[in-house]
Structure formats: C-alpha cells, structure tokens
C-alpha cells in the first residue's frame, strides 16, 4: 500500500512534465512557422529590391494609366447615378432581366429583336443592381415560404420544416429575394436622370409579366384570406354559443365564458387557442398580400454618385495593380532561373 502511494505522485509528476513538453513543442512549432513566413516575406522583398527598376516602372505605368489614359479612353460626358427601389421577388427578377438586356446591348453582344425593343426607350448606357441585404428580408422570406407551404396542406411539425432552418435558407436566397435593390446607372451627358427613373419605373409598372404573376398570387392569397376569416367567424359563433350555454346552465349573473387554464382539454381553451392561431395566420397572409399589391416603390430618388474610398481613386488603384503585376513578373523571372539551373544540373538542355 505504501509503495502504491509513493508511485502515484511520481506518475502525476511525469504526466505534468509530458504535458508541459507538449505545450513547449507546440509553441516552438508555431514560432517556426511564423519564422518561415517572415523569411519568405524577406526573400520577396530582396527580389523586389534586386528588380526595383522593373517594379517602379510598372507602378508608374499604372499611375499614369489611372490618372491620364483611362479617363481619355473611357466614355466622355458620362455620369454615374443611383437610386433605391423596394419591391417583391417578381418585380426584382424583372429588374435584373432589364439590366442584363441593357448591358448586353451596350457591350454589343448578340441580343434578340424582342429584347432590343424592350429596352430601346430606356436611354441607359449601363445598369448594375446590388441588393441591400437585411436580416428583416431573410426572416420575412423564411416565414413566407412556410406560409406558402401551409397553403398546400403542410404543417410546421413535419420533417420538411424540421430541417428548414433560417441559416441554410439565407444561403439559398437569390439577389432578387431582397426587398431593397440599389440601382446604379451610367447615363450620357444631356440625359435627364429623373426622366430615366420615371421611364424605368413606368416600364416595370406596366410589365405584363409582373402584372400577370402578381394577379395569380393575389387571387390565391385572397382566397386563403377569406377561408381564414370564415374560420375566425365560425370560432366567434361557437364562443358566443358557449357563452349562451353557460349563461343558461349557470346561476343568474354568471354569463361570462369560463376558461380553466389548468385543464388542457377545456373546449373554451381550445377555441381561444384556435382563434389566436388563425388571427396570426390572417396577419401573415395580409402582410404577404400587401407586399404583392404594393409591387415596388422608390425609396431613394436618383442622384449622382462618384467612386469613393482609397481604391476609388484610379491612379492609386492602378498603381497597386501595377505593383502586383510587377511582383508576378519578378516571381516568374525567379522561377525561370530556377528551371534553368535545374536543367543544367540534370543535363536536360
């Protein structure tokens, strides 16, 4: 017994030493990797120093291109504008389709006559759309999908909704599923941006494709809304009948409906729960219907914009690109030297 007691502290001491040795080796390996990264960085700096004339030349060429040549080559008398639209997935998909047609036409790619007619009246040189991603839109779209599946008879306790989580739903959202869309336009000088915004808005408003799809969805939502309202009215009638029955069966003056919350099989309790459930569904359907009825609206009117930020300055942006290109050239030269030495060593010439 005494020998076991004396061996136990020694074993614990050995385990502690091994643990400390493990941590020491781990810390050493981390510092070794950091040292290798720093060494590689120093080697790159030395290579750039040896070829500094080449590096400086590409940087100066990039700055010259961004400050002088690019403005001369780019379209003269053009201006960037942007505005924000709020719509549903139908109108947003049509908006992205219009942008694609305009950009295809401006880039002189082959487009059909039908596509050309659709955007001929829109005097836009280029059109880019960027969704404004909000958590509110993700949540609304998530519950809208659940509500739409409820129309088909699926309930939220099925296997489908057990794996239908918010995180995976967000990753599957399309750019057109977000309500707010930032529209960037390139217009030539002399074109009235306010008129372009009104023309684009009128084009979307009168789109036969959007109006047809919205009408179909609105009819479905209206029918479902009427069924829910009818169910709420029936619950009201049943609750009124229960109140009358309780009034006739109880003592005078006791005409209220009694609900025993401790007893889960109470009829009145079930009626109130159903009333609450249908009221929430009615609110959800009315919200979805309102989104499709409103279609789309302008949140922020069109206004001129310029490139902002450090990389928004062409001279700086192309100087950095020139430096990166020179780095690739220097590394390519170094690889070529290595290959030549390898070929000489193994007599591959």
Protein backbone atom coordinates (compact mmCIF):
# COMPACT_ATOMS: atom_id res chain seq x y z
CA UNK A 1 0.00 0.00 0.00
CA UNK A 2 2.81 2.42 0.91
CA UNK A 3 4.61 1.61 -2.36
CA UNK A 4 1.46 2.47 -4.39
CA UNK A 5 1.14 5.80 -2.56
CA UNK A 6 4.74 6.71 -3.34
CA UNK A 7 4.39 5.77 -7.03
CA UNK A 8 1.22 7.81 -7.55
CA UNK A 9 2.82 11.29 -7.10
CA UNK A 10 5.69 10.27 -9.39
CA UNK A 11 3.25 9.25 -12.13
CA UNK A 12 1.39 12.55 -11.76
CA UNK A 13 4.69 14.42 -11.94
CA UNK A 14 5.69 12.55 -15.11
CA UNK A 15 2.31 13.32 -16.72
CA UNK A 16 2.68 17.02 -15.88
CA UNK A 17 6.19 17.09 -17.37
CA UNK A 18 4.90 15.43 -20.56
CA UNK A 19 2.07 17.96 -20.78
CA UNK A 20 4.47 20.88 -20.39
CA UNK A 21 6.75 19.33 -23.02
CA UNK A 22 3.80 19.01 -25.37
CA UNK A 23 2.89 22.68 -24.96
CA UNK A 24 6.54 23.69 -25.40
CA UNK A 25 6.82 21.77 -28.66
CA UNK A 26 3.56 23.28 -29.86
CA UNK A 27 4.74 26.81 -29.14
CA UNK A 28 8.05 26.09 -30.88
CA UNK A 29 6.27 24.83 -34.00
CA UNK A 30 4.11 27.97 -34.11
CA UNK A 31 7.14 30.25 -33.89
CA UNK A 32 8.94 28.16 -36.52
CA UNK A 33 6.04 28.62 -38.92
CA UNK A 34 5.95 32.35 -38.21
CA UNK A 35 9.71 32.45 -38.81
CA UNK A 36 9.28 30.69 -42.16
CA UNK A 37 6.58 33.18 -43.20
CA UNK A 38 8.78 36.12 -42.21
CA UNK A 39 11.73 34.55 -44.06
CA UNK A 40 9.62 34.13 -47.19
CA UNK A 41 8.46 37.75 -46.89
CA UNK A 42 12.08 38.93 -46.59
CA UNK A 43 13.06 36.88 -49.65
CA UNK A 44 10.30 38.56 -51.67
CA UNK A 45 11.49 42.00 -50.53
CA UNK A 46 15.06 41.12 -51.57
CA UNK A 47 13.80 40.00 -55.00
CA UNK A 48 11.86 43.27 -55.40
CA UNK A 49 14.94 45.23 -54.36
CA UNK A 50 17.08 43.48 -56.97
CA UNK A 51 14.45 44.30 -59.62
CA UNK A 52 13.43 47.70 -58.29
CA UNK A 53 13.63 49.36 -61.69
CA UNK A 54 11.05 46.93 -63.08
CA UNK A 55 8.78 47.35 -60.03
CA UNK A 56 8.89 51.16 -60.06
CA UNK A 57 8.28 51.19 -63.82
CA UNK A 58 5.07 49.15 -63.52
CA UNK A 59 3.85 51.27 -60.60
CA UNK A 60 4.41 54.47 -62.57
CA UNK A 61 2.74 53.00 -65.63
CA UNK A 62 -0.27 52.04 -63.51
CA UNK A 63 -0.50 55.53 -62.01
CA UNK A 64 -0.18 57.10 -65.46
CA UNK A 65 -2.89 54.84 -66.87
CA UNK A 66 -5.30 55.56 -63.99
CA UNK A 67 -4.71 59.32 -63.91
CA UNK A 68 -4.45 60.14 -67.63
CA UNK A 69 -5.03 57.33 -70.10
CA UNK A 70 -8.14 55.72 -68.58
CA UNK A 71 -10.14 58.99 -68.44
CA UNK A 72 -9.26 59.61 -72.10
CA UNK A 73 -10.24 56.10 -73.21
CA UNK A 74 -13.43 55.96 -71.16
CA UNK A 75 -16.71 57.32 -72.45
CA UNK A 76 -16.68 61.07 -72.28
CA UNK A 77 -19.51 63.11 -70.85
CA UNK A 78 -20.96 60.21 -68.84
CA UNK A 79 -22.14 60.30 -65.24
CA UNK A 80 -22.89 57.71 -62.59
CA UNK A 81 -26.27 57.76 -60.83
CA UNK A 82 -28.00 55.53 -58.34
CA UNK A 83 -31.37 55.13 -56.64
CA UNK A 84 -33.02 52.52 -54.40
CA UNK A 85 -36.14 50.53 -55.25
CA UNK A 86 -38.30 48.46 -52.91
CA UNK A 87 -40.14 45.55 -54.48
CA UNK A 88 -41.00 41.89 -54.26
CA UNK A 89 -39.24 38.93 -55.87
CA UNK A 90 -41.32 39.22 -59.07
CA UNK A 91 -40.54 42.86 -59.80
CA UNK A 92 -36.90 42.41 -58.75
CA UNK A 93 -36.40 39.50 -61.14
CA UNK A 94 -37.74 41.62 -63.99
CA UNK A 95 -35.43 44.45 -62.90
CA UNK A 96 -32.39 42.15 -63.12
CA UNK A 97 -33.59 40.96 -66.53
CA UNK A 98 -33.74 44.56 -67.79
CA UNK A 99 -30.22 45.26 -66.51
CA UNK A 100 -28.91 42.17 -68.31
CA UNK A 101 -30.53 43.26 -71.58
CA UNK A 102 -29.14 46.80 -71.31
CA UNK A 103 -25.62 45.59 -70.54
CA UNK A 104 -25.72 43.04 -73.37
CA UNK A 105 -26.81 45.75 -75.79
CA UNK A 106 -24.11 48.19 -74.61
CA UNK A 107 -21.41 45.51 -74.89
CA UNK A 108 -22.51 44.82 -78.50
CA UNK A 109 -23.28 41.16 -77.85
CA UNK A 110 -25.95 39.39 -79.84
CA UNK A 111 -29.43 40.04 -78.48
CA UNK A 112 -32.82 39.21 -79.91
CA UNK A 113 -35.07 41.81 -81.52
CA UNK A 114 -37.61 41.31 -78.74
CA UNK A 115 -35.02 42.15 -76.08
CA UNK A 116 -33.90 45.22 -78.04
CA UNK A 117 -37.47 46.52 -78.27
CA UNK A 118 -37.93 46.08 -74.51
CA UNK A 119 -35.09 48.47 -73.63
CA UNK A 120 -34.94 50.70 -76.72
CA UNK A 121 -36.77 53.55 -74.98
CA UNK A 122 -34.50 53.38 -71.93
CA UNK A 123 -31.56 55.64 -72.76
CA UNK A 124 -29.16 53.91 -70.34
CA UNK A 125 -25.53 53.11 -71.20
CA UNK A 126 -25.04 50.61 -68.38
CA UNK A 127 -27.09 49.34 -65.44
CA UNK A 128 -25.88 47.42 -62.39
CA UNK A 129 -28.03 46.24 -59.48
CA UNK A 130 -26.87 45.43 -55.96
CA UNK A 131 -29.20 44.02 -53.29
CA UNK A 132 -29.27 45.66 -49.86
CA UNK A 133 -29.17 42.60 -47.63
CA UNK A 134 -31.19 42.95 -44.43
CA UNK A 135 -31.98 40.33 -41.80
CA UNK A 136 -35.57 41.54 -41.93
CA UNK A 137 -35.89 40.38 -45.55
CA UNK A 138 -34.37 36.99 -44.73
CA UNK A 139 -36.83 36.43 -41.89
CA UNK A 140 -39.83 37.62 -43.92
CA UNK A 141 -38.90 35.39 -46.84
CA UNK A 142 -38.34 32.46 -44.46
CA UNK A 143 -41.81 32.68 -42.94
CA UNK A 144 -43.37 33.45 -46.31
CA UNK A 145 -42.08 30.10 -47.59
CA UNK A 146 -43.56 28.37 -44.54
CA UNK A 147 -46.88 30.12 -45.09
CA UNK A 148 -46.94 29.20 -48.77
CA UNK A 149 -46.33 25.55 -47.89
CA UNK A 150 -49.16 25.75 -45.38
CA UNK A 151 -51.42 26.62 -48.31
CA UNK A 152 -50.54 23.21 -49.72
CA UNK A 153 -51.55 21.48 -46.51
CA UNK A 154 -48.10 21.02 -44.99
CA UNK A 155 -47.79 21.75 -41.29
CA UNK A 156 -44.80 23.15 -39.38
CA UNK A 157 -44.24 19.95 -37.38
CA UNK A 158 -43.41 17.83 -40.46
CA UNK A 159 -39.94 16.63 -41.36
CA UNK A 160 -39.64 19.33 -44.05
CA UNK A 161 -39.79 22.17 -41.55
CA UNK A 162 -37.59 20.39 -39.03
CA UNK A 163 -34.65 20.74 -41.45
CA UNK A 164 -35.82 24.06 -42.89
CA UNK A 165 -33.68 26.35 -40.73
CA UNK A 166 -33.02 30.06 -41.10
CA UNK A 167 -29.26 29.79 -41.67
CA UNK A 168 -29.49 27.42 -44.62
CA UNK A 169 -32.42 29.42 -46.02
CA UNK A 170 -30.32 32.60 -46.09
CA UNK A 171 -27.56 30.86 -48.06
CA UNK A 172 -30.13 29.83 -50.70
CA UNK A 173 -31.65 33.29 -51.17
CA UNK A 174 -31.29 34.92 -54.56
CA UNK A 175 -30.26 38.54 -55.01
CA UNK A 176 -33.78 39.30 -56.24
CA UNK A 177 -35.32 37.96 -53.00
CA UNK A 178 -34.18 41.03 -51.04
CA UNK A 179 -36.74 43.82 -50.96
CA UNK A 180 -34.35 46.77 -51.32
CA UNK A 181 -32.31 46.98 -54.53
CA UNK A 182 -29.66 49.62 -55.26
CA UNK A 183 -29.71 50.51 -58.97
CA UNK A 184 -26.54 52.04 -60.48
CA UNK A 185 -26.90 53.73 -63.88
CA UNK A 186 -24.40 55.14 -66.35
CA UNK A 187 -26.01 57.98 -68.34
CA UNK A 188 -24.62 60.19 -71.07
CA UNK A 189 -24.45 63.91 -70.63
CA UNK A 190 -27.69 65.63 -71.60
CA UNK A 191 -29.90 62.76 -70.42
CA UNK A 192 -32.29 63.79 -67.65
CA UNK A 193 -31.78 61.26 -64.80
CA UNK A 194 -35.22 61.99 -63.32
CA UNK A 195 -36.88 61.10 -66.62
CA UNK A 196 -34.86 57.87 -66.83
CA UNK A 197 -36.02 56.90 -63.33
CA UNK A 198 -39.65 57.61 -64.25
CA UNK A 199 -39.36 55.67 -67.52
CA UNK A 200 -37.84 52.67 -65.76
CA UNK A 201 -40.47 52.79 -63.04
CA UNK A 202 -43.30 53.06 -65.61
CA UNK A 203 -41.81 50.19 -67.62
CA UNK A 204 -41.83 47.92 -64.58
CA UNK A 205 -45.29 49.08 -63.54
CA UNK A 206 -46.77 48.25 -66.95
CA UNK A 207 -44.91 44.95 -67.36
CA UNK A 208 -47.40 42.30 -68.45
CA UNK A 209 -45.23 39.55 -66.97
CA UNK A 210 -45.19 41.13 -63.49
CA UNK A 211 -48.88 42.02 -63.52
CA UNK A 212 -49.94 38.52 -64.57
CA UNK A 213 -47.87 36.77 -61.90
CA UNK A 214 -49.00 39.23 -59.23
CA UNK A 215 -52.64 38.72 -60.15
CA UNK A 216 -52.29 34.93 -59.83
CA UNK A 217 -50.60 35.16 -56.43
CA UNK A 218 -53.04 37.80 -55.17
CA UNK A 219 -56.02 35.62 -56.09
CA UNK A 220 -54.54 32.71 -54.14
CA UNK A 221 -53.85 34.93 -51.14
CA UNK A 222 -57.34 36.48 -51.25
CA UNK A 223 -58.98 33.04 -51.32
CA UNK A 224 -56.86 31.87 -48.39
CA UNK A 225 -57.63 35.09 -46.53
CA UNK A 226 -61.38 34.54 -46.98
CA UNK A 227 -61.09 30.98 -45.64
CA UNK A 228 -59.23 32.19 -42.56
CA UNK A 229 -61.76 34.97 -41.96
CA UNK A 230 -64.57 32.43 -42.28
CA UNK A 231 -62.84 30.18 -39.72
CA UNK A 232 -62.48 33.14 -37.32
CA UNK A 233 -66.17 34.00 -37.74
CA UNK A 234 -67.11 30.36 -37.01
CA UNK A 235 -64.98 30.41 -33.85
CA UNK A 236 -66.70 33.65 -32.79
CA UNK A 237 -70.07 31.97 -33.28
CA UNK A 238 -69.04 28.92 -31.29
CA UNK A 239 -67.66 31.09 -28.49
CA UNK A 240 -70.92 33.05 -28.45
CA UNK A 241 -72.89 29.81 -28.31
CA UNK A 242 -70.74 28.59 -25.42
CA UNK A 243 -71.37 31.83 -23.56
CA UNK A 244 -75.13 31.42 -24.07
CA UNK A 245 -74.99 27.79 -22.94
CA UNK A 246 -73.01 28.68 -19.82
CA UNK A 247 -75.44 31.50 -19.09
CA UNK A 248 -78.45 29.21 -19.26
CA UNK A 249 -76.77 26.43 -17.27
CA UNK A 250 -75.27 28.58 -14.52
CA UNK A 251 -76.67 30.83 -11.86
CA UNK A 252 -78.10 34.26 -12.76
CA UNK A 253 -75.42 36.92 -13.27
CA UNK A 254 -72.78 34.43 -14.41
CA UNK A 255 -72.86 34.99 -18.17
CA UNK A 256 -69.09 35.02 -18.82
CA UNK A 257 -67.25 32.19 -20.54
CA UNK A 258 -65.19 30.20 -18.02
CA UNK A 259 -61.76 29.00 -19.09
CA UNK A 260 -59.79 26.67 -16.85
CA UNK A 261 -56.17 27.01 -17.98
CA UNK A 262 -55.08 24.12 -15.77
CA UNK A 263 -57.32 21.73 -17.67
CA UNK A 264 -55.88 21.35 -21.22
CA UNK A 265 -58.94 19.62 -22.70
CA UNK A 266 -61.22 22.54 -21.95
CA UNK A 267 -63.38 23.42 -25.01
CA UNK A 268 -63.18 27.16 -24.42
CA UNK A 269 -59.41 26.96 -24.12
CA UNK A 270 -59.20 25.12 -27.45
CA UNK A 271 -61.42 27.73 -29.10
CA UNK A 272 -59.24 30.59 -27.83
CA UNK A 273 -56.07 28.82 -28.99
CA UNK A 274 -57.57 28.28 -32.44
CA UNK A 275 -58.72 31.91 -32.55
CA UNK A 276 -55.19 33.08 -31.72
CA UNK A 277 -53.67 30.75 -34.34
CA UNK A 278 -56.00 31.89 -37.13
CA UNK A 279 -55.51 35.55 -36.19
CA UNK A 280 -51.75 35.18 -36.62
CA UNK A 281 -52.21 33.40 -39.94
CA UNK A 282 -54.56 36.14 -41.09
CA UNK A 283 -51.94 38.77 -40.25
CA UNK A 284 -49.27 36.81 -42.15
CA UNK A 285 -51.46 36.42 -45.24
CA UNK A 286 -52.45 40.09 -45.19
CA UNK A 287 -48.78 41.11 -44.92
CA UNK A 288 -47.81 38.91 -47.88
CA UNK A 289 -50.77 40.21 -49.87
CA UNK A 290 -49.79 43.80 -49.11
CA UNK A 291 -46.26 43.17 -50.42
CA UNK A 292 -47.58 41.89 -53.74
CA UNK A 293 -50.23 44.59 -54.04
CA UNK A 294 -47.72 47.39 -53.47
CA UNK A 295 -45.44 45.87 -56.12
CA UNK A 296 -42.49 48.23 -55.91
CA UNK A 297 -41.76 51.79 -54.90
CA UNK A 298 -38.86 54.24 -54.97
CA UNK A 299 -37.16 54.51 -51.58
CA UNK A 300 -34.35 56.89 -52.58
CA UNK A 301 -34.63 59.13 -55.66
CA UNK A 302 -31.92 59.11 -58.31
CA UNK A 303 -28.79 61.14 -57.55
CA UNK A 304 -25.27 61.48 -58.90
CA UNK A 305 -22.52 59.42 -57.26
CA UNK A 306 -18.76 59.15 -57.53
CA UNK A 307 -16.29 56.43 -56.65
CA UNK A 308 -15.33 56.81 -53.01
CA UNK A 309 -12.68 55.29 -50.80
CA UNK A 310 -8.95 54.79 -51.13
CA UNK A 311 -9.24 52.35 -54.05
CA UNK A 312 -11.83 54.55 -55.73
CA UNK A 313 -9.04 56.86 -57.00
CA UNK A 314 -7.96 55.42 -60.38
CA UNK A 315 -4.29 56.46 -60.03
CA UNK A 316 -3.94 54.64 -56.70
CA UNK A 317 -5.93 51.60 -57.80
CA UNK A 318 -3.89 51.04 -60.95
CA UNK A 319 -0.63 51.75 -59.10
CA UNK A 320 -1.44 48.86 -56.77
CA UNK A 321 -2.36 46.69 -59.75
CA UNK A 322 0.96 47.65 -61.36
CA UNK A 323 2.82 46.61 -58.22
CA UNK A 324 1.03 43.25 -58.11
CA UNK A 325 1.77 42.69 -61.79
CA UNK A 326 5.46 43.52 -61.25
CA UNK A 327 5.52 41.05 -58.34
CA UNK A 328 4.18 38.31 -60.62
CA UNK A 329 6.81 39.20 -63.26
CA UNK A 330 9.65 39.08 -60.70
CA UNK A 331 8.46 35.73 -59.37
CA UNK A 332 8.17 34.45 -62.93
CA UNK A 333 11.76 35.50 -63.65
CA UNK A 334 12.94 33.78 -60.46
CA UNK A 335 11.10 30.57 -61.38
CA UNK A 336 12.66 30.71 -64.83
CA UNK A 337 16.16 31.00 -63.30
CA UNK A 338 15.42 28.02 -61.06
CA UNK A 339 14.26 25.93 -64.00
CA UNK A 340 17.38 26.83 -66.00
CA UNK A 341 19.63 25.76 -63.10
CA UNK A 342 17.67 22.54 -62.69
CA UNK A 343 18.00 21.79 -66.41
CA UNK A 344 21.79 22.42 -66.33
CA UNK A 345 22.23 20.23 -63.24
CA UNK A 346 20.39 17.29 -64.78
CA UNK A 347 21.69 17.85 -68.35
CA UNK A 348 18.20 18.43 -69.73
CA UNK A 349 19.26 21.09 -72.25
